[in-house]
Amino acid sequence: MSEQELTRRDFLKTSAFLGGAVALSSSVQGVFARLRHTPDGIHRLGEGDYDYPNNNPENVIYSVCLNCHTACTIKGKIADGVLVKIDGNPYSATNRLPNLPYDTDP
């Protein structure tokens, strides 16, 4: 059985990997701590139930995507005047089979 020799190159690669892993693991905890206590007051990461403000009717805009000739219908969600999410329009005949009735809540 031959013994494996640790070369300088292997030592540097392993040291860089371990150092990066330690640095990343310490910074990830800070990111999760910041997400738990956000300035908008919404509790995140399993800290209880909360209202999702983008589901309010005043934060939803129905429109059409004109990037091609299909003209897909879309539903955009707005937060603080900025588009934050784009979904397919559930009221469109092109997105659902069977079609949803128009009196269905968004």
PDB file of N, CA and C in Angstrom:
ATOM      1  N   MET A   1       0.837  -1.160   0.000  1.00  0.00           N
ATOM      2  CA  MET A   1       0.000   0.000   0.000  1.00  0.00           C
ATOM      3  C   MET A   1       0.893   1.238   0.000  1.00  0.00           C
ATOM      4  N   SER A   2       0.637   2.153  -0.924  1.00  0.00           N
ATOM      5  CA  SER A   2       1.482   3.348  -0.997  1.00  0.00           C
ATOM      6  C   SER A   2       0.884   4.464  -0.147  1.00  0.00           C
ATOM      7  N   GLU A   3       1.748   5.187   0.500  1.00  0.00           N
ATOM      8  CA  GLU A   3       1.299   6.323   1.300  1.00  0.00           C
ATOM      9  C   GLU A   3       1.112   7.523   0.384  1.00  0.00           C
ATOM     10  N   GLN A   4       0.054   8.276   0.638  1.00  0.00           N
ATOM     11  CA  GLN A   4      -0.153   9.477  -0.162  1.00  0.00           C
ATOM     12  C   GLN A   4       0.646  10.604   0.446  1.00  0.00           C
ATOM     13  N   GLU A   5       1.281  11.335  -0.411  1.00  0.00           N
ATOM     14  CA  GLU A   5       2.129  12.428   0.027  1.00  0.00           C
ATOM     15  C   GLU A   5       1.344  13.732  -0.097  1.00  0.00           C
ATOM     16  N   LEU A   6       1.419  14.566   0.902  1.00  0.00           N
ATOM     17  CA  LEU A   6       0.749  15.856   0.879  1.00  0.00           C
ATOM     18  C   LEU A   6       1.674  16.865   0.212  1.00  0.00           C
ATOM     19  N   THR A   7       1.269  17.310  -0.966  1.00  0.00           N
ATOM     20  CA  THR A   7       2.092  18.287  -1.682  1.00  0.00           C
ATOM     21  C   THR A   7       1.722  19.686  -1.224  1.00  0.00           C
ATOM     22  N   ARG A   8       2.562  20.620  -1.561  1.00  0.00           N
ATOM     23  CA  ARG A   8       2.314  22.016  -1.203  1.00  0.00           C
ATOM     24  C   ARG A   8       1.032  22.508  -1.873  1.00  0.00           C
ATOM     25  N   ARG A   9       0.824  22.103  -3.109  1.00  0.00           N
ATOM     26  CA  ARG A   9      -0.367  22.507  -3.854  1.00  0.00           C
ATOM     27  C   ARG A   9      -1.633  21.977  -3.180  1.00  0.00           C
ATOM     28  N   ASP A  10      -1.629  20.698  -2.788  1.00  0.00           N
ATOM     29  CA  ASP A  10      -2.785  20.123  -2.106  1.00  0.00           C
ATOM     30  C   ASP A  10      -3.029  20.797  -0.761  1.00  0.00           C
ATOM     31  N   PHE A  11      -1.961  21.114  -0.046  1.00  0.00           N
ATOM     32  CA  PHE A  11      -2.090  21.798   1.235  1.00  0.00           C
ATOM     33  C   PHE A  11      -2.740  23.171   1.055  1.00  0.00           C
ATOM     34  N   LEU A  12      -2.306  23.934   0.038  1.00  0.00           N
ATOM     35  CA  LEU A  12      -2.876  25.261  -0.196  1.00  0.00           C
ATOM     36  C   LEU A  12      -4.338  25.170  -0.629  1.00  0.00           C
ATOM     37  N   LYS A  13      -4.673  24.212  -1.478  1.00  0.00           N
ATOM     38  CA  LYS A  13      -6.064  24.051  -1.905  1.00  0.00           C
ATOM     39  C   LYS A  13      -6.961  23.700  -0.722  1.00  0.00           C
ATOM     40  N   THR A  14      -6.510  22.782   0.114  1.00  0.00           N
ATOM     41  CA  THR A  14      -7.299  22.375   1.271  1.00  0.00           C
ATOM     42  C   THR A  14      -7.438  23.515   2.271  1.00  0.00           C
ATOM     43  N   SER A  15      -6.364  24.250   2.498  1.00  0.00           N
ATOM     44  CA  SER A  15      -6.408  25.385   3.425  1.00  0.00           C
ATOM     45  C   SER A  15      -7.352  26.465   2.919  1.00  0.00           C
ATOM     46  N   ALA A  16      -7.299  26.756   1.626  1.00  0.00           N
ATOM     47  CA  ALA A  16      -8.193  27.771   1.059  1.00  0.00           C
ATOM     48  C   ALA A  16      -9.648  27.334   1.164  1.00  0.00           C
ATOM     49  N   PHE A  17      -9.914  26.071   0.902  1.00  0.00           N
ATOM     50  CA  PHE A  17     -11.277  25.560   1.005  1.00  0.00           C
ATOM     51  C   PHE A  17     -11.797  25.655   2.434  1.00  0.00           C
ATOM     52  N   LEU A  18     -11.016  25.200   3.389  1.00  0.00           N
ATOM     53  CA  LEU A  18     -11.446  25.236   4.788  1.00  0.00           C
ATOM     54  C   LEU A  18     -11.599  26.665   5.292  1.00  0.00           C
ATOM     55  N   GLY A  19     -10.680  27.544   4.906  1.00  0.00           N
ATOM     56  CA  GLY A  19     -10.794  28.944   5.311  1.00  0.00           C
ATOM     57  C   GLY A  19     -12.041  29.599   4.739  1.00  0.00           C
ATOM     58  N   GLY A  20     -12.338  29.311   3.477  1.00  0.00           N
ATOM     59  CA  GLY A  20     -13.552  29.847   2.862  1.00  0.00           C
ATOM     60  C   GLY A  20     -14.811  29.306   3.506  1.00  0.00           C
ATOM     61  N   ALA A  21     -14.800  28.025   3.854  1.00  0.00           N
ATOM     62  CA  ALA A  21     -15.964  27.423   4.505  1.00  0.00           C
ATOM     63  C   ALA A  21     -16.215  28.047   5.873  1.00  0.00           C
ATOM     64  N   VAL A  22     -15.156  28.296   6.624  1.00  0.00           N
ATOM     65  CA  VAL A  22     -15.302  28.927   7.947  1.00  0.00           C
ATOM     66  C   VAL A  22     -15.810  30.357   7.797  1.00  0.00           C
ATOM     67  N   ALA A  23     -15.258  31.097   6.851  1.00  0.00           N
ATOM     68  CA  ALA A  23     -15.697  32.480   6.637  1.00  0.00           C
ATOM     69  C   ALA A  23     -17.153  32.527   6.195  1.00  0.00           C
ATOM     70  N   LEU A  24     -17.541  31.631   5.320  1.00  0.00           N
ATOM     71  CA  LEU A  24     -18.918  31.598   4.844  1.00  0.00           C
ATOM     72  C   LEU A  24     -19.877  31.197   5.952  1.00  0.00           C
ATOM     73  N   SER A  25     -19.511  30.237   6.760  1.00  0.00           N
ATOM     74  CA  SER A  25     -20.414  29.789   7.820  1.00  0.00           C
ATOM     75  C   SER A  25     -20.645  30.882   8.856  1.00  0.00           C
ATOM     76  N   SER A  26     -19.651  31.698   9.116  1.00  0.00           N
ATOM     77  CA  SER A  26     -19.854  32.772  10.091  1.00  0.00           C
ATOM     78  C   SER A  26     -20.691  33.897   9.505  1.00  0.00           C
ATOM     79  N   SER A  27     -20.597  34.156   8.206  1.00  0.00           N
ATOM     80  CA  SER A  27     -21.372  35.247   7.613  1.00  0.00           C
ATOM     81  C   SER A  27     -22.813  34.841   7.353  1.00  0.00           C
ATOM     82  N   VAL A  28     -23.083  33.561   7.143  1.00  0.00           N
ATOM     83  CA  VAL A  28     -24.444  33.111   6.875  1.00  0.00           C
ATOM     84  C   VAL A  28     -25.333  33.350   8.087  1.00  0.00           C
ATOM     85  N   GLN A  29     -24.826  33.164   9.282  1.00  0.00           N
ATOM     86  CA  GLN A  29     -25.620  33.403  10.481  1.00  0.00           C
ATOM     87  C   GLN A  29     -26.063  34.858  10.563  1.00  0.00           C
ATOM     88  N   GLY A  30     -25.196  35.780  10.165  1.00  0.00           N
ATOM     89  CA  GLY A  30     -25.557  37.195  10.173  1.00  0.00           C
ATOM     90  C   GLY A  30     -26.649  37.518   9.177  1.00  0.00           C
ATOM     91  N   VAL A  31     -26.626  36.860   8.032  1.00  0.00           N
ATOM     92  CA  VAL A  31     -27.661  37.089   7.021  1.00  0.00           C
ATOM     93  C   VAL A  31     -29.011  36.625   7.543  1.00  0.00           C
ATOM     94  N   PHE A  32     -29.075  35.442   8.143  1.00  0.00           N
ATOM     95  CA  PHE A  32     -30.337  34.952   8.668  1.00  0.00           C
ATOM     96  C   PHE A  32     -30.834  35.809   9.824  1.00  0.00           C
ATOM     97  N   ALA A  33     -29.945  36.316  10.647  1.00  0.00           N
ATOM     98  CA  ALA A  33     -30.359  37.190  11.745  1.00  0.00           C
ATOM     99  C   ALA A  33     -30.966  38.473  11.198  1.00  0.00           C
ATOM    100  N   ARG A  34     -30.384  39.018  10.126  1.00  0.00           N
ATOM    101  CA  ARG A  34     -30.931  40.230   9.524  1.00  0.00           C
ATOM    102  C   ARG A  34     -32.287  39.974   8.885  1.00  0.00           C
ATOM    103  N   LEU A  35     -32.502  38.801   8.308  1.00  0.00           N
ATOM    104  CA  LEU A  35     -33.789  38.497   7.695  1.00  0.00           C
ATOM    105  C   LEU A  35     -34.893  38.337   8.733  1.00  0.00           C
ATOM    106  N   ARG A  36     -34.543  37.891   9.918  1.00  0.00           N
ATOM    107  CA  ARG A  36     -35.557  37.725  10.960  1.00  0.00           C
ATOM    108  C   ARG A  36     -36.086  39.065  11.457  1.00  0.00           C
ATOM    109  N   HIS A  37     -35.261  40.080  11.486  1.00  0.00           N
ATOM    110  CA  HIS A  37     -35.642  41.383  12.029  1.00  0.00           C
ATOM    111  C   HIS A  37     -35.527  42.421  10.921  1.00  0.00           C
ATOM    112  N   THR A  38     -36.553  42.507  10.108  1.00  0.00           N
ATOM    113  CA  THR A  38     -36.521  43.422   8.972  1.00  0.00           C
ATOM    114  C   THR A  38     -37.202  44.729   9.336  1.00  0.00           C
ATOM    115  N   PRO A  39     -36.841  45.820   8.678  1.00  0.00           N
ATOM    116  CA  PRO A  39     -37.430  47.114   9.015  1.00  0.00           C
ATOM    117  C   PRO A  39     -38.901  47.231   8.652  1.00  0.00           C
ATOM    118  N   ASP A  40     -39.405  46.388   7.738  1.00  0.00           N
ATOM    119  CA  ASP A  40     -40.814  46.505   7.381  1.00  0.00           C
ATOM    120  C   ASP A  40     -41.736  45.853   8.407  1.00  0.00           C
ATOM    121  N   GLY A  41     -41.173  45.202   9.416  1.00  0.00           N
ATOM    122  CA  GLY A  41     -41.969  44.644  10.495  1.00  0.00           C
ATOM    123  C   GLY A  41     -42.582  43.292  10.197  1.00  0.00           C
ATOM    124  N   ILE A  42     -42.288  42.715   9.043  1.00  0.00           N
ATOM    125  CA  ILE A  42     -42.836  41.404   8.714  1.00  0.00           C
ATOM    126  C   ILE A  42     -41.920  40.346   9.302  1.00  0.00           C
ATOM    127  N   HIS A  43     -42.485  39.461  10.111  1.00  0.00           N
ATOM    128  CA  HIS A  43     -41.686  38.390  10.703  1.00  0.00           C
ATOM    129  C   HIS A  43     -41.403  37.336   9.647  1.00  0.00           C
ATOM    130  N   ARG A  44     -40.170  36.880   9.596  1.00  0.00           N
ATOM    131  CA  ARG A  44     -39.786  35.896   8.595  1.00  0.00           C
ATOM    132  C   ARG A  44     -39.114  34.697   9.257  1.00  0.00           C
ATOM    133  N   LEU A  45     -38.929  33.658   8.478  1.00  0.00           N
ATOM    134  CA  LEU A  45     -38.206  32.443   8.869  1.00  0.00           C
ATOM    135  C   LEU A  45     -38.823  31.766  10.087  1.00  0.00           C
ATOM    136  N   GLY A  46     -40.109  31.509  10.009  1.00  0.00           N
ATOM    137  CA  GLY A  46     -40.765  30.703  11.021  1.00  0.00           C
ATOM    138  C   GLY A  46     -41.017  31.394  12.333  1.00  0.00           C
ATOM    139  N   GLU A  47     -41.137  32.701  12.339  1.00  0.00           N
ATOM    140  CA  GLU A  47     -41.401  33.399  13.597  1.00  0.00           C
ATOM    141  C   GLU A  47     -42.883  33.725  13.754  1.00  0.00           C
ATOM    142  N   GLY A  48     -43.750  32.905  13.217  1.00  0.00           N
ATOM    143  CA  GLY A  48     -45.177  33.115  13.369  1.00  0.00           C
ATOM    144  C   GLY A  48     -45.838  33.461  12.051  1.00  0.00           C
ATOM    145  N   ASP A  49     -47.150  33.485  12.089  1.00  0.00           N
ATOM    146  CA  ASP A  49     -47.905  33.810  10.886  1.00  0.00           C
ATOM    147  C   ASP A  49     -47.890  35.311  10.639  1.00  0.00           C
ATOM    148  N   TYR A  50     -47.973  35.685   9.381  1.00  0.00           N
ATOM    149  CA  TYR A  50     -48.000  37.097   9.020  1.00  0.00           C
ATOM    150  C   TYR A  50     -48.813  37.273   7.754  1.00  0.00           C
ATOM    151  N   ASP A  51     -49.285  38.491   7.546  1.00  0.00           N
ATOM    152  CA  ASP A  51     -49.995  38.820   6.315  1.00  0.00           C
ATOM    153  C   ASP A  51     -48.994  39.084   5.216  1.00  0.00           C
ATOM    154  N   TYR A  52     -49.290  38.601   4.034  1.00  0.00           N
ATOM    155  CA  TYR A  52     -48.444  38.855   2.872  1.00  0.00           C
ATOM    156  C   TYR A  52     -49.014  40.080   2.171  1.00  0.00           C
ATOM    157  N   PRO A  53     -48.377  41.250   2.302  1.00  0.00           N
ATOM    158  CA  PRO A  53     -48.982  42.493   1.814  1.00  0.00           C
ATOM    159  C   PRO A  53     -49.144  42.547   0.306  1.00  0.00           C
ATOM    160  N   ASN A  54     -48.416  41.736  -0.441  1.00  0.00           N
ATOM    161  CA  ASN A  54     -48.537  41.791  -1.896  1.00  0.00           C
ATOM    162  C   ASN A  54     -49.795  41.112  -2.409  1.00  0.00           C
ATOM    163  N   ASN A  55     -50.563  40.456  -1.539  1.00  0.00           N
ATOM    164  CA  ASN A  55     -51.819  39.847  -1.965  1.00  0.00           C
ATOM    165  C   ASN A  55     -52.987  40.815  -1.888  1.00  0.00           C
ATOM    166  N   ASN A  56     -52.772  42.002  -1.367  1.00  0.00           N
ATOM    167  CA  ASN A  56     -53.843  42.983  -1.303  1.00  0.00           C
ATOM    168  C   ASN A  56     -54.217  43.422  -2.713  1.00  0.00           C
ATOM    169  N   PRO A  57     -55.511  43.636  -2.980  1.00  0.00           N
ATOM    170  CA  PRO A  57     -55.926  44.015  -4.337  1.00  0.00           C
ATOM    171  C   PRO A  57     -55.265  45.294  -4.844  1.00  0.00           C
ATOM    172  N   GLU A  58     -54.946  46.222  -3.955  1.00  0.00           N
ATOM    173  CA  GLU A  58     -54.310  47.467  -4.406  1.00  0.00           C
ATOM    174  C   GLU A  58     -52.851  47.263  -4.808  1.00  0.00           C
ATOM    175  N   ASN A  59     -52.283  46.088  -4.528  1.00  0.00           N
ATOM    176  CA  ASN A  59     -50.894  45.793  -4.888  1.00  0.00           C
ATOM    177  C   ASN A  59     -50.781  44.838  -6.067  1.00  0.00           C
ATOM    178  N   VAL A  60     -51.895  44.557  -6.759  1.00  0.00           N
ATOM    179  CA  VAL A  60     -51.890  43.615  -7.878  1.00  0.00           C
ATOM    180  C   VAL A  60     -52.330  44.333  -9.144  1.00  0.00           C
ATOM    181  N   ILE A  61     -51.572  44.139 -10.223  1.00  0.00           N
ATOM    182  CA  ILE A  61     -51.904  44.720 -11.525  1.00  0.00           C
ATOM    183  C   ILE A  61     -51.953  43.592 -12.545  1.00  0.00           C
ATOM    184  N   TYR A  62     -53.044  43.529 -13.307  1.00  0.00           N
ATOM    185  CA  TYR A  62     -53.172  42.549 -14.382  1.00  0.00           C
ATOM    186  C   TYR A  62     -52.782  43.222 -15.687  1.00  0.00           C
ATOM    187  N   SER A  63     -51.964  42.543 -16.462  1.00  0.00           N
ATOM    188  CA  SER A  63     -51.458  43.142 -17.692  1.00  0.00           C
ATOM    189  C   SER A  63     -51.157  42.045 -18.704  1.00  0.00           C
ATOM    190  N   VAL A  64     -50.396  42.424 -19.744  1.00  0.00           N
ATOM    191  CA  VAL A  64     -50.029  41.510 -20.820  1.00  0.00           C
ATOM    192  C   VAL A  64     -48.544  41.647 -21.085  1.00  0.00           C
ATOM    193  N   CYS A  65     -47.855  40.520 -21.266  1.00  0.00           N
ATOM    194  CA  CYS A  65     -46.444  40.522 -21.645  1.00  0.00           C
ATOM    195  C   CYS A  65     -46.365  40.607 -23.163  1.00  0.00           C
ATOM    196  N   LEU A  66     -45.638  41.590 -23.674  1.00  0.00           N
ATOM    197  CA  LEU A  66     -45.539  41.782 -25.120  1.00  0.00           C
ATOM    198  C   LEU A  66     -44.151  41.461 -25.650  1.00  0.00           C
ATOM    199  N   ASN A  67     -43.448  40.522 -25.006  1.00  0.00           N
ATOM    200  CA  ASN A  67     -42.118  40.158 -25.482  1.00  0.00           C
ATOM    201  C   ASN A  67     -42.156  39.298 -26.732  1.00  0.00           C
ATOM    202  N   CYS A  68     -43.305  38.714 -27.050  1.00  0.00           N
ATOM    203  CA  CYS A  68     -43.459  37.959 -28.298  1.00  0.00           C
ATOM    204  C   CYS A  68     -44.883  38.185 -28.797  1.00  0.00           C
ATOM    205  N   HIS A  69     -45.286  37.460 -29.820  1.00  0.00           N
ATOM    206  CA  HIS A  69     -46.614  37.661 -30.408  1.00  0.00           C
ATOM    207  C   HIS A  69     -47.718  36.907 -29.689  1.00  0.00           C
ATOM    208  N   THR A  70     -47.373  36.119 -28.675  1.00  0.00           N
ATOM    209  CA  THR A  70     -48.385  35.357 -27.953  1.00  0.00           C
ATOM    210  C   THR A  70     -49.204  36.244 -27.025  1.00  0.00           C
ATOM    211  N   ALA A  71     -48.598  37.290 -26.474  1.00  0.00           N
ATOM    212  CA  ALA A  71     -49.258  38.231 -25.561  1.00  0.00           C
ATOM    213  C   ALA A  71     -49.836  37.503 -24.348  1.00  0.00           C
ATOM    214  N   CYS A  72     -48.971  36.862 -23.588  1.00  0.00           N
ATOM    215  CA  CYS A  72     -49.396  36.143 -22.385  1.00  0.00           C
ATOM    216  C   CYS A  72     -49.926  37.124 -21.349  1.00  0.00           C
ATOM    217  N   THR A  73     -51.001  36.730 -20.681  1.00  0.00           N
ATOM    218  CA  THR A  73     -51.547  37.579 -19.629  1.00  0.00           C
ATOM    219  C   THR A  73     -50.774  37.322 -18.342  1.00  0.00           C
ATOM    220  N   ILE A  74     -50.485  38.393 -17.604  1.00  0.00           N
ATOM    221  CA  ILE A  74     -49.680  38.289 -16.394  1.00  0.00           C
ATOM    222  C   ILE A  74     -50.349  39.034 -15.248  1.00  0.00           C
ATOM    223  N   LYS A  75     -49.926  38.689 -14.052  1.00  0.00           N
ATOM    224  CA  LYS A  75     -50.363  39.379 -12.837  1.00  0.00           C
ATOM    225  C   LYS A  75     -49.104  39.882 -12.153  1.00  0.00           C
ATOM    226  N   GLY A  76     -48.967  41.196 -12.002  1.00  0.00           N
ATOM    227  CA  GLY A  76     -47.801  41.776 -11.354  1.00  0.00           C
ATOM    228  C   GLY A  76     -48.128  42.207  -9.942  1.00  0.00           C
ATOM    229  N   LYS A  77     -47.194  41.976  -9.031  1.00  0.00           N
ATOM    230  CA  LYS A  77     -47.368  42.397  -7.639  1.00  0.00           C
ATOM    231  C   LYS A  77     -46.441  43.571  -7.366  1.00  0.00           C
ATOM    232  N   ILE A  78     -46.999  44.625  -6.774  1.00  0.00           N
ATOM    233  CA  ILE A  78     -46.297  45.883  -6.555  1.00  0.00           C
ATOM    234  C   ILE A  78     -46.062  46.078  -5.063  1.00  0.00           C
ATOM    235  N   ALA A  79     -44.848  46.505  -4.696  1.00  0.00           N
ATOM    236  CA  ALA A  79     -44.528  46.877  -3.314  1.00  0.00           C
ATOM    237  C   ALA A  79     -43.774  48.195  -3.357  1.00  0.00           C
ATOM    238  N   ASP A  80     -44.295  49.197  -2.699  1.00  0.00           N
ATOM    239  CA  ASP A  80     -43.692  50.532  -2.655  1.00  0.00           C
ATOM    240  C   ASP A  80     -43.465  51.089  -4.051  1.00  0.00           C
ATOM    241  N   GLY A  81     -44.405  50.854  -4.954  1.00  0.00           N
ATOM    242  CA  GLY A  81     -44.313  51.387  -6.302  1.00  0.00           C
ATOM    243  C   GLY A  81     -43.361  50.652  -7.223  1.00  0.00           C
ATOM    244  N   VAL A  82     -42.831  49.509  -6.790  1.00  0.00           N
ATOM    245  CA  VAL A  82     -41.868  48.744  -7.587  1.00  0.00           C
ATOM    246  C   VAL A  82     -42.443  47.355  -7.846  1.00  0.00           C
ATOM    247  N   LEU A  83     -42.324  46.884  -9.085  1.00  0.00           N
ATOM    248  CA  LEU A  83     -42.763  45.539  -9.429  1.00  0.00           C
ATOM    249  C   LEU A  83     -41.841  44.521  -8.769  1.00  0.00           C
ATOM    250  N   VAL A  84     -42.396  43.643  -7.926  1.00  0.00           N
ATOM    251  CA  VAL A  84     -41.568  42.689  -7.191  1.00  0.00           C
ATOM    252  C   VAL A  84     -41.802  41.247  -7.604  1.00  0.00           C
ATOM    253  N   LYS A  85     -42.926  40.953  -8.272  1.00  0.00           N
ATOM    254  CA  LYS A  85     -43.186  39.574  -8.672  1.00  0.00           C
ATOM    255  C   LYS A  85     -44.121  39.559  -9.864  1.00  0.00           C
ATOM    256  N   ILE A  86     -43.865  38.632 -10.784  1.00  0.00           N
ATOM    257  CA  ILE A  86     -44.728  38.448 -11.948  1.00  0.00           C
ATOM    258  C   ILE A  86     -45.211  37.004 -11.955  1.00  0.00           C
ATOM    259  N   ASP A  87     -46.524  36.834 -12.035  1.00  0.00           N
ATOM    260  CA  ASP A  87     -47.142  35.512 -12.114  1.00  0.00           C
ATOM    261  C   ASP A  87     -48.005  35.463 -13.364  1.00  0.00           C
ATOM    262  N   GLY A  88     -48.426  34.267 -13.716  1.00  0.00           N
ATOM    263  CA  GLY A  88     -49.426  34.136 -14.759  1.00  0.00           C
ATOM    264  C   GLY A  88     -50.776  34.572 -14.226  1.00  0.00           C
ATOM    265  N   ASN A  89     -51.595  35.130 -15.081  1.00  0.00           N
ATOM    266  CA  ASN A  89     -52.915  35.587 -14.689  1.00  0.00           C
ATOM    267  C   ASN A  89     -53.845  34.382 -14.568  1.00  0.00           C
ATOM    268  N   PRO A  90     -54.361  34.080 -13.369  1.00  0.00           N
ATOM    269  CA  PRO A  90     -55.227  32.909 -13.220  1.00  0.00           C
ATOM    270  C   PRO A  90     -56.580  33.085 -13.894  1.00  0.00           C
ATOM    271  N   TYR A  91     -56.951  34.304 -14.256  1.00  0.00           N
ATOM    272  CA  TYR A  91     -58.229  34.556 -14.910  1.00  0.00           C
ATOM    273  C   TYR A  91     -58.139  34.429 -16.423  1.00  0.00           C
ATOM    274  N   SER A  92     -56.948  34.233 -16.958  1.00  0.00           N
ATOM    275  CA  SER A  92     -56.768  34.147 -18.403  1.00  0.00           C
ATOM    276  C   SER A  92     -57.129  32.760 -18.912  1.00  0.00           C
ATOM    277  N   ALA A  93     -57.745  32.722 -20.072  1.00  0.00           N
ATOM    278  CA  ALA A  93     -58.096  31.441 -20.687  1.00  0.00           C
ATOM    279  C   ALA A  93     -56.861  30.699 -21.177  1.00  0.00           C
ATOM    280  N   THR A  94     -55.756  31.397 -21.373  1.00  0.00           N
ATOM    281  CA  THR A  94     -54.547  30.750 -21.887  1.00  0.00           C
ATOM    282  C   THR A  94     -53.724  30.078 -20.796  1.00  0.00           C
ATOM    283  N   ASN A  95     -54.015  30.335 -19.526  1.00  0.00           N
ATOM    284  CA  ASN A  95     -53.179  29.810 -18.445  1.00  0.00           C
ATOM    285  C   ASN A  95     -53.771  28.638 -17.688  1.00  0.00           C
ATOM    286  N   ARG A  96     -55.060  28.470 -17.683  1.00  0.00           N
ATOM    287  CA  ARG A  96     -55.682  27.425 -16.869  1.00  0.00           C
ATOM    288  C   ARG A  96     -56.685  26.624 -17.690  1.00  0.00           C
ATOM    289  N   LEU A  97     -56.697  25.343 -17.474  1.00  0.00           N
ATOM    290  CA  LEU A  97     -57.730  24.487 -18.032  1.00  0.00           C
ATOM    291  C   LEU A  97     -58.218  23.587 -16.925  1.00  0.00           C
ATOM    292  N   PRO A  98     -59.461  23.512 -16.565  1.00  0.00           N
ATOM    293  CA  PRO A  98     -60.535  24.325 -17.100  1.00  0.00           C
ATOM    294  C   PRO A  98     -60.428  25.767 -16.609  1.00  0.00           C
ATOM    295  N   ASN A  99     -61.103  26.657 -17.295  1.00  0.00           N
ATOM    296  CA  ASN A  99     -61.002  28.082 -16.982  1.00  0.00           C
ATOM    297  C   ASN A  99     -61.620  28.390 -15.626  1.00  0.00           C
ATOM    298  N   LEU A 100     -61.001  29.355 -14.920  1.00  0.00           N
ATOM    299  CA  LEU A 100     -61.546  29.816 -13.650  1.00  0.00           C
ATOM    300  C   LEU A 100     -62.635  30.844 -13.914  1.00  0.00           C
ATOM    301  N   PRO A 101     -63.701  30.850 -13.125  1.00  0.00           N
ATOM    302  CA  PRO A 101     -64.712  31.895 -13.290  1.00  0.00           C
ATOM    303  C   PRO A 101     -64.152  33.251 -12.838  1.00  0.00           C
ATOM    304  N   TYR A 102     -64.644  34.322 -13.439  1.00  0.00           N
ATOM    305  CA  TYR A 102     -64.121  35.650 -13.136  1.00  0.00           C
ATOM    306  C   TYR A 102     -64.501  36.145 -11.748  1.00  0.00           C
ATOM    307  N   ASP A 103     -65.458  35.519 -11.093  1.00  0.00           N
ATOM    308  CA  ASP A 103     -65.806  35.966  -9.743  1.00  0.00           C
ATOM    309  C   ASP A 103     -64.948  35.295  -8.669  1.00  0.00           C
ATOM    310  N   THR A 104     -63.925  34.519  -9.052  1.00  0.00           N
ATOM    311  CA  THR A 104     -62.997  33.907  -8.104  1.00  0.00           C
ATOM    312  C   THR A 104     -62.075  34.970  -7.527  1.00  0.00           C
ATOM    313  N   ASP A 105     -61.852  34.935  -6.211  1.00  0.00           N
ATOM    314  CA  ASP A 105     -60.956  35.905  -5.578  1.00  0.00           C
ATOM    315  C   ASP A 105     -59.523  35.704  -6.057  1.00  0.00           C
ATOM    316  N   PRO A 106     -58.745  36.830  -6.184  1.00  0.00           N
ATOM    317  CA  PRO A 106     -57.348  36.699  -6.644  1.00  0.00           C
ATOM    318  C   PRO A 106     -56.467  35.988  -5.660  1.00  0.00           C
TER     319      PRO A 106
END
